[in-house]
Amino acid sequence: MQDIEYGHVKIKLNEILEAKNISINKLAYRSEMQRSQIRKYCKNEVQRLDISILARLCYSLECTLEDLIEYVPLRNN
């Protein structure tokens, strides 16, 4: 069975933190999450998105889900 490429989901947490000038430590405190977990989201190293974590991040950062994640379709060249 051949793998089919569908594109990917990009987590834009790092960009939001930079734009709002918020550190990972401050976000960890606000969202009651571990820094290591936030770092994984910042580096797009998460395999499965947890909707409760996404809600927590949106609440803590005062942003929308659309601000936080983006679907990047596959580009066929």
PDB file of N, CA and C in Angstrom:
ATOM      1  N   MET A   1       0.840  -1.184   0.000  1.00  0.00           N
ATOM      2  CA  MET A   1       0.000   0.000   0.000  1.00  0.00           C
ATOM      3  C   MET A   1       0.884   1.246   0.000  1.00  0.00           C
ATOM      4  N   GLN A   2       0.612   2.116  -0.909  1.00  0.00           N
ATOM      5  CA  GLN A   2       1.410   3.330  -1.059  1.00  0.00           C
ATOM      6  C   GLN A   2       0.853   4.436  -0.165  1.00  0.00           C
ATOM      7  N   ASP A   3       1.771   5.173   0.484  1.00  0.00           N
ATOM      8  CA  ASP A   3       1.345   6.314   1.290  1.00  0.00           C
ATOM      9  C   ASP A   3       0.908   7.452   0.379  1.00  0.00           C
ATOM     10  N   ILE A   4      -0.167   8.113   0.762  1.00  0.00           N
ATOM     11  CA  ILE A   4      -0.673   9.258   0.012  1.00  0.00           C
ATOM     12  C   ILE A   4      -0.436  10.500   0.846  1.00  0.00           C
ATOM     13  N   GLU A   5       0.147  11.511   0.231  1.00  0.00           N
ATOM     14  CA  GLU A   5       0.441  12.750   0.939  1.00  0.00           C
ATOM     15  C   GLU A   5      -0.765  13.678   0.838  1.00  0.00           C
ATOM     16  N   TYR A   6      -1.251  14.143   1.977  1.00  0.00           N
ATOM     17  CA  TYR A   6      -2.431  14.997   2.037  1.00  0.00           C
ATOM     18  C   TYR A   6      -2.103  16.438   2.389  1.00  0.00           C
ATOM     19  N   GLY A   7      -0.873  16.747   2.648  1.00  0.00           N
ATOM     20  CA  GLY A   7      -0.518  18.045   3.181  1.00  0.00           C
ATOM     21  C   GLY A   7      -0.298  17.890   4.676  1.00  0.00           C
ATOM     22  N   HIS A   8      -0.258  19.012   5.396  1.00  0.00           N
ATOM     23  CA  HIS A   8      -0.060  18.901   6.837  1.00  0.00           C
ATOM     24  C   HIS A   8      -0.728  20.061   7.571  1.00  0.00           C
ATOM     25  N   VAL A   9      -0.847  19.898   8.866  1.00  0.00           N
ATOM     26  CA  VAL A   9      -1.405  20.929   9.731  1.00  0.00           C
ATOM     27  C   VAL A   9      -0.238  21.619  10.428  1.00  0.00           C
ATOM     28  N   LYS A  10      -0.207  22.917  10.318  1.00  0.00           N
ATOM     29  CA  LYS A  10       0.860  23.711  10.937  1.00  0.00           C
ATOM     30  C   LYS A  10       0.312  24.360  12.204  1.00  0.00           C
ATOM     31  N   ILE A  11       1.037  24.195  13.296  1.00  0.00           N
ATOM     32  CA  ILE A  11       0.683  24.843  14.560  1.00  0.00           C
ATOM     33  C   ILE A  11       1.494  26.129  14.637  1.00  0.00           C
ATOM     34  N   LYS A  12       0.811  27.257  14.740  1.00  0.00           N
ATOM     35  CA  LYS A  12       1.474  28.559  14.677  1.00  0.00           C
ATOM     36  C   LYS A  12       1.701  29.161  16.064  1.00  0.00           C
ATOM     37  N   LEU A  13       1.874  28.304  17.062  1.00  0.00           N
ATOM     38  CA  LEU A  13       2.028  28.769  18.433  1.00  0.00           C
ATOM     39  C   LEU A  13       3.269  29.635  18.598  1.00  0.00           C
ATOM     40  N   ASN A  14       4.366  29.235  18.013  1.00  0.00           N
ATOM     41  CA  ASN A  14       5.604  29.997  18.158  1.00  0.00           C
ATOM     42  C   ASN A  14       5.439  31.421  17.618  1.00  0.00           C
ATOM     43  N   GLU A  15       4.778  31.554  16.468  1.00  0.00           N
ATOM     44  CA  GLU A  15       4.548  32.872  15.881  1.00  0.00           C
ATOM     45  C   GLU A  15       3.673  33.747  16.782  1.00  0.00           C
ATOM     46  N   ILE A  16       2.663  33.142  17.391  1.00  0.00           N
ATOM     47  CA  ILE A  16       1.775  33.891  18.284  1.00  0.00           C
ATOM     48  C   ILE A  16       2.528  34.353  19.522  1.00  0.00           C
ATOM     49  N   LEU A  17       3.345  33.461  20.085  1.00  0.00           N
ATOM     50  CA  LEU A  17       4.128  33.842  21.264  1.00  0.00           C
ATOM     51  C   LEU A  17       5.057  35.004  20.949  1.00  0.00           C
ATOM     52  N   GLU A  18       5.708  34.954  19.793  1.00  0.00           N
ATOM     53  CA  GLU A  18       6.609  36.042  19.410  1.00  0.00           C
ATOM     54  C   GLU A  18       5.845  37.345  19.191  1.00  0.00           C
ATOM     55  N   ALA A  19       4.709  37.267  18.507  1.00  0.00           N
ATOM     56  CA  ALA A  19       3.925  38.470  18.210  1.00  0.00           C
ATOM     57  C   ALA A  19       3.386  39.122  19.477  1.00  0.00           C
ATOM     58  N   LYS A  20       3.021  38.293  20.450  1.00  0.00           N
ATOM     59  CA  LYS A  20       2.456  38.818  21.702  1.00  0.00           C
ATOM     60  C   LYS A  20       3.521  39.015  22.778  1.00  0.00           C
ATOM     61  N   ASN A  21       4.764  38.676  22.439  1.00  0.00           N
ATOM     62  CA  ASN A  21       5.879  38.807  23.378  1.00  0.00           C
ATOM     63  C   ASN A  21       5.612  38.059  24.694  1.00  0.00           C
ATOM     64  N   ILE A  22       5.232  36.798  24.546  1.00  0.00           N
ATOM     65  CA  ILE A  22       4.928  35.937  25.699  1.00  0.00           C
ATOM     66  C   ILE A  22       5.930  34.783  25.697  1.00  0.00           C
ATOM     67  N   SER A  23       6.524  34.516  26.829  1.00  0.00           N
ATOM     68  CA  SER A  23       7.478  33.413  26.936  1.00  0.00           C
ATOM     69  C   SER A  23       6.749  32.089  27.138  1.00  0.00           C
ATOM     70  N   ILE A  24       7.467  31.014  26.877  1.00  0.00           N
ATOM     71  CA  ILE A  24       6.916  29.683  27.124  1.00  0.00           C
ATOM     72  C   ILE A  24       6.597  29.526  28.609  1.00  0.00           C
ATOM     73  N   ASN A  25       7.451  30.062  29.470  1.00  0.00           N
ATOM     74  CA  ASN A  25       7.210  29.973  30.914  1.00  0.00           C
ATOM     75  C   ASN A  25       5.903  30.663  31.301  1.00  0.00           C
ATOM     76  N   LYS A  26       5.683  31.844  30.749  1.00  0.00           N
ATOM     77  CA  LYS A  26       4.465  32.591  31.075  1.00  0.00           C
ATOM     78  C   LYS A  26       3.228  31.857  30.555  1.00  0.00           C
ATOM     79  N   LEU A  27       3.328  31.315  29.344  1.00  0.00           N
ATOM     80  CA  LEU A  27       2.204  30.560  28.789  1.00  0.00           C
ATOM     81  C   LEU A  27       1.947  29.301  29.605  1.00  0.00           C
ATOM     82  N   ALA A  28       2.998  28.635  30.032  1.00  0.00           N
ATOM     83  CA  ALA A  28       2.845  27.436  30.860  1.00  0.00           C
ATOM     84  C   ALA A  28       2.082  27.772  32.141  1.00  0.00           C
ATOM     85  N   TYR A  29       2.397  28.899  32.740  1.00  0.00           N
ATOM     86  CA  TYR A  29       1.711  29.324  33.953  1.00  0.00           C
ATOM     87  C   TYR A  29       0.246  29.654  33.659  1.00  0.00           C
ATOM     88  N   ARG A  30       0.008  30.442  32.618  1.00  0.00           N
ATOM     89  CA  ARG A  30      -1.356  30.856  32.268  1.00  0.00           C
ATOM     90  C   ARG A  30      -2.247  29.680  31.901  1.00  0.00           C
ATOM     91  N   SER A  31      -1.695  28.735  31.167  1.00  0.00           N
ATOM     92  CA  SER A  31      -2.496  27.627  30.645  1.00  0.00           C
ATOM     93  C   SER A  31      -2.454  26.380  31.525  1.00  0.00           C
ATOM     94  N   GLU A  32      -1.642  26.435  32.576  1.00  0.00           N
ATOM     95  CA  GLU A  32      -1.473  25.288  33.481  1.00  0.00           C
ATOM     96  C   GLU A  32      -1.038  24.048  32.701  1.00  0.00           C
ATOM     97  N   MET A  33      -0.032  24.260  31.845  1.00  0.00           N
ATOM     98  CA  MET A  33       0.537  23.173  31.049  1.00  0.00           C
ATOM     99  C   MET A  33       2.029  23.077  31.338  1.00  0.00           C
ATOM    100  N   GLN A  34       2.612  21.942  31.013  1.00  0.00           N
ATOM    101  CA  GLN A  34       4.046  21.767  31.180  1.00  0.00           C
ATOM    102  C   GLN A  34       4.787  22.451  30.029  1.00  0.00           C
ATOM    103  N   ARG A  35       5.936  23.034  30.350  1.00  0.00           N
ATOM    104  CA  ARG A  35       6.746  23.708  29.323  1.00  0.00           C
ATOM    105  C   ARG A  35       7.134  22.750  28.207  1.00  0.00           C
ATOM    106  N   SER A  36       7.450  21.519  28.552  1.00  0.00           N
ATOM    107  CA  SER A  36       7.856  20.538  27.535  1.00  0.00           C
ATOM    108  C   SER A  36       6.724  20.282  26.536  1.00  0.00           C
ATOM    109  N   GLN A  37       5.504  20.273  27.014  1.00  0.00           N
ATOM    110  CA  GLN A  37       4.355  20.066  26.131  1.00  0.00           C
ATOM    111  C   GLN A  37       4.177  21.279  25.206  1.00  0.00           C
ATOM    112  N   ILE A  38       4.338  22.469  25.747  1.00  0.00           N
ATOM    113  CA  ILE A  38       4.224  23.683  24.932  1.00  0.00           C
ATOM    114  C   ILE A  38       5.330  23.719  23.885  1.00  0.00           C
ATOM    115  N   ARG A  39       6.543  23.320  24.253  1.00  0.00           N
ATOM    116  CA  ARG A  39       7.651  23.295  23.296  1.00  0.00           C
ATOM    117  C   ARG A  39       7.341  22.382  22.110  1.00  0.00           C
ATOM    118  N   LYS A  40       6.708  21.241  22.381  1.00  0.00           N
ATOM    119  CA  LYS A  40       6.335  20.325  21.300  1.00  0.00           C
ATOM    120  C   LYS A  40       5.349  20.990  20.344  1.00  0.00           C
ATOM    121  N   TYR A  41       4.406  21.737  20.894  1.00  0.00           N
ATOM    122  CA  TYR A  41       3.455  22.457  20.046  1.00  0.00           C
ATOM    123  C   TYR A  41       4.172  23.558  19.271  1.00  0.00           C
ATOM    124  N   CYS A  42       5.117  24.233  19.894  1.00  0.00           N
ATOM    125  CA  CYS A  42       5.880  25.293  19.213  1.00  0.00           C
ATOM    126  C   CYS A  42       6.696  24.743  18.056  1.00  0.00           C
ATOM    127  N   LYS A  43       7.223  23.538  18.198  1.00  0.00           N
ATOM    128  CA  LYS A  43       8.081  22.930  17.177  1.00  0.00           C
ATOM    129  C   LYS A  43       7.306  22.057  16.195  1.00  0.00           C
ATOM    130  N   ASN A  44       5.980  22.033  16.305  1.00  0.00           N
ATOM    131  CA  ASN A  44       5.141  21.195  15.443  1.00  0.00           C
ATOM    132  C   ASN A  44       5.522  19.727  15.544  1.00  0.00           C
ATOM    133  N   GLU A  45       5.830  19.271  16.750  1.00  0.00           N
ATOM    134  CA  GLU A  45       6.215  17.876  16.968  1.00  0.00           C
ATOM    135  C   GLU A  45       5.081  17.052  17.573  1.00  0.00           C
ATOM    136  N   VAL A  46       3.871  17.549  17.487  1.00  0.00           N
ATOM    137  CA  VAL A  46       2.708  16.865  18.057  1.00  0.00           C
ATOM    138  C   VAL A  46       2.107  15.966  16.980  1.00  0.00           C
ATOM    139  N   GLN A  47       1.865  14.708  17.313  1.00  0.00           N
ATOM    140  CA  GLN A  47       1.285  13.770  16.353  1.00  0.00           C
ATOM    141  C   GLN A  47      -0.235  13.852  16.309  1.00  0.00           C
ATOM    142  N   ARG A  48      -0.843  14.062  17.476  1.00  0.00           N
ATOM    143  CA  ARG A  48      -2.302  14.152  17.566  1.00  0.00           C
ATOM    144  C   ARG A  48      -2.670  15.399  18.365  1.00  0.00           C
ATOM    145  N   LEU A  49      -3.545  16.207  17.784  1.00  0.00           N
ATOM    146  CA  LEU A  49      -3.978  17.418  18.466  1.00  0.00           C
ATOM    147  C   LEU A  49      -5.053  17.086  19.482  1.00  0.00           C
ATOM    148  N   ASP A  50      -4.925  17.645  20.659  1.00  0.00           N
ATOM    149  CA  ASP A  50      -5.877  17.452  21.742  1.00  0.00           C
ATOM    150  C   ASP A  50      -6.749  18.703  21.806  1.00  0.00           C
ATOM    151  N   ILE A  51      -8.060  18.550  21.599  1.00  0.00           N
ATOM    152  CA  ILE A  51      -8.929  19.729  21.536  1.00  0.00           C
ATOM    153  C   ILE A  51      -9.000  20.480  22.857  1.00  0.00           C
ATOM    154  N   SER A  52      -8.840  19.795  23.972  1.00  0.00           N
ATOM    155  CA  SER A  52      -8.861  20.510  25.250  1.00  0.00           C
ATOM    156  C   SER A  52      -7.602  21.362  25.414  1.00  0.00           C
ATOM    157  N   ILE A  53      -6.485  20.893  24.907  1.00  0.00           N
ATOM    158  CA  ILE A  53      -5.249  21.686  24.947  1.00  0.00           C
ATOM    159  C   ILE A  53      -5.361  22.871  23.999  1.00  0.00           C
ATOM    160  N   LEU A  54      -5.915  22.653  22.811  1.00  0.00           N
ATOM    161  CA  LEU A  54      -6.102  23.759  21.879  1.00  0.00           C
ATOM    162  C   LEU A  54      -7.015  24.829  22.482  1.00  0.00           C
ATOM    163  N   ALA A  55      -8.078  24.401  23.145  1.00  0.00           N
ATOM    164  CA  ALA A  55      -8.979  25.356  23.795  1.00  0.00           C
ATOM    165  C   ALA A  55      -8.250  26.119  24.894  1.00  0.00           C
ATOM    166  N   ARG A  56      -7.435  25.423  25.652  1.00  0.00           N
ATOM    167  CA  ARG A  56      -6.657  26.044  26.725  1.00  0.00           C
ATOM    168  C   ARG A  56      -5.687  27.092  26.179  1.00  0.00           C
ATOM    169  N   LEU A  57      -5.028  26.754  25.069  1.00  0.00           N
ATOM    170  CA  LEU A  57      -4.098  27.685  24.442  1.00  0.00           C
ATOM    171  C   LEU A  57      -4.825  28.907  23.886  1.00  0.00           C
ATOM    172  N   CYS A  58      -5.945  28.679  23.209  1.00  0.00           N
ATOM    173  CA  CYS A  58      -6.721  29.802  22.665  1.00  0.00           C
ATOM    174  C   CYS A  58      -7.201  30.722  23.787  1.00  0.00           C
ATOM    175  N   TYR A  59      -7.671  30.150  24.867  1.00  0.00           N
ATOM    176  CA  TYR A  59      -8.138  30.948  26.001  1.00  0.00           C
ATOM    177  C   TYR A  59      -6.985  31.752  26.602  1.00  0.00           C
ATOM    178  N   SER A  60      -5.865  31.098  26.832  1.00  0.00           N
ATOM    179  CA  SER A  60      -4.717  31.745  27.465  1.00  0.00           C
ATOM    180  C   SER A  60      -4.102  32.832  26.600  1.00  0.00           C
ATOM    181  N   LEU A  61      -4.154  32.648  25.289  1.00  0.00           N
ATOM    182  CA  LEU A  61      -3.540  33.596  24.363  1.00  0.00           C
ATOM    183  C   LEU A  61      -4.544  34.587  23.773  1.00  0.00           C
ATOM    184  N   GLU A  62      -5.810  34.414  24.134  1.00  0.00           N
ATOM    185  CA  GLU A  62      -6.883  35.253  23.600  1.00  0.00           C
ATOM    186  C   GLU A  62      -6.841  35.281  22.074  1.00  0.00           C
ATOM    187  N   CYS A  63      -6.844  34.081  21.511  1.00  0.00           N
ATOM    188  CA  CYS A  63      -6.826  33.955  20.057  1.00  0.00           C
ATOM    189  C   CYS A  63      -7.873  32.930  19.640  1.00  0.00           C
ATOM    190  N   THR A  64      -8.050  32.772  18.345  1.00  0.00           N
ATOM    191  CA  THR A  64      -8.996  31.786  17.834  1.00  0.00           C
ATOM    192  C   THR A  64      -8.240  30.547  17.363  1.00  0.00           C
ATOM    193  N   LEU A  65      -8.974  29.497  17.127  1.00  0.00           N
ATOM    194  CA  LEU A  65      -8.382  28.268  16.604  1.00  0.00           C
ATOM    195  C   LEU A  65      -7.757  28.521  15.230  1.00  0.00           C
ATOM    196  N   GLU A  66      -8.391  29.375  14.446  1.00  0.00           N
ATOM    197  CA  GLU A  66      -7.858  29.717  13.130  1.00  0.00           C
ATOM    198  C   GLU A  66      -6.524  30.447  13.242  1.00  0.00           C
ATOM    199  N   ASP A  67      -6.317  31.191  14.323  1.00  0.00           N
ATOM    200  CA  ASP A  67      -5.033  31.849  14.554  1.00  0.00           C
ATOM    201  C   ASP A  67      -3.957  30.828  14.903  1.00  0.00           C
ATOM    202  N   LEU A  68      -4.355  29.746  15.540  1.00  0.00           N
ATOM    203  CA  LEU A  68      -3.419  28.784  16.115  1.00  0.00           C
ATOM    204  C   LEU A  68      -2.993  27.678  15.154  1.00  0.00           C
ATOM    205  N   ILE A  69      -3.903  27.211  14.317  1.00  0.00           N
ATOM    206  CA  ILE A  69      -3.555  26.113  13.404  1.00  0.00           C
ATOM    207  C   ILE A  69      -3.924  26.480  11.972  1.00  0.00           C
ATOM    208  N   GLU A  70      -3.205  25.857  11.048  1.00  0.00           N
ATOM    209  CA  GLU A  70      -3.414  26.127   9.629  1.00  0.00           C
ATOM    210  C   GLU A  70      -3.196  24.833   8.852  1.00  0.00           C
ATOM    211  N   TYR A  71      -4.069  24.570   7.888  1.00  0.00           N
ATOM    212  CA  TYR A  71      -3.884  23.437   6.999  1.00  0.00           C
ATOM    213  C   TYR A  71      -3.056  23.896   5.811  1.00  0.00           C
ATOM    214  N   VAL A  72      -1.966  23.182   5.544  1.00  0.00           N
ATOM    215  CA  VAL A  72      -1.084  23.494   4.414  1.00  0.00           C
ATOM    216  C   VAL A  72      -1.228  22.342   3.415  1.00  0.00           C
ATOM    217  N   PRO A  73      -1.905  22.595   2.283  1.00  0.00           N
ATOM    218  CA  PRO A  73      -2.116  21.508   1.320  1.00  0.00           C
ATOM    219  C   PRO A  73      -0.825  21.126   0.615  1.00  0.00           C
ATOM    220  N   LEU A  74      -0.809  19.930   0.085  1.00  0.00           N
ATOM    221  CA  LEU A  74       0.329  19.426  -0.677  1.00  0.00           C
ATOM    222  C   LEU A  74       0.410  20.189  -1.987  1.00  0.00           C
ATOM    223  N   ARG A  75       1.603  20.582  -2.344  1.00  0.00           N
ATOM    224  CA  ARG A  75       1.804  21.262  -3.630  1.00  0.00           C
ATOM    225  C   ARG A  75       2.359  20.267  -4.615  1.00  0.00           C
ATOM    226  N   ASN A  76       1.613  20.031  -5.659  1.00  0.00           N
ATOM    227  CA  ASN A  76       2.073  19.115  -6.720  1.00  0.00           C
ATOM    228  C   ASN A  76       2.830  19.923  -7.744  1.00  0.00           C
ATOM    229  N   ASN A  77       4.102  19.602  -7.894  1.00  0.00           N
ATOM    230  CA  ASN A  77       4.942  20.324  -8.869  1.00  0.00           C
ATOM    231  C   ASN A  77       5.109  19.526 -10.129  1.00  0.00           C
TER     232      ASN A  77
END
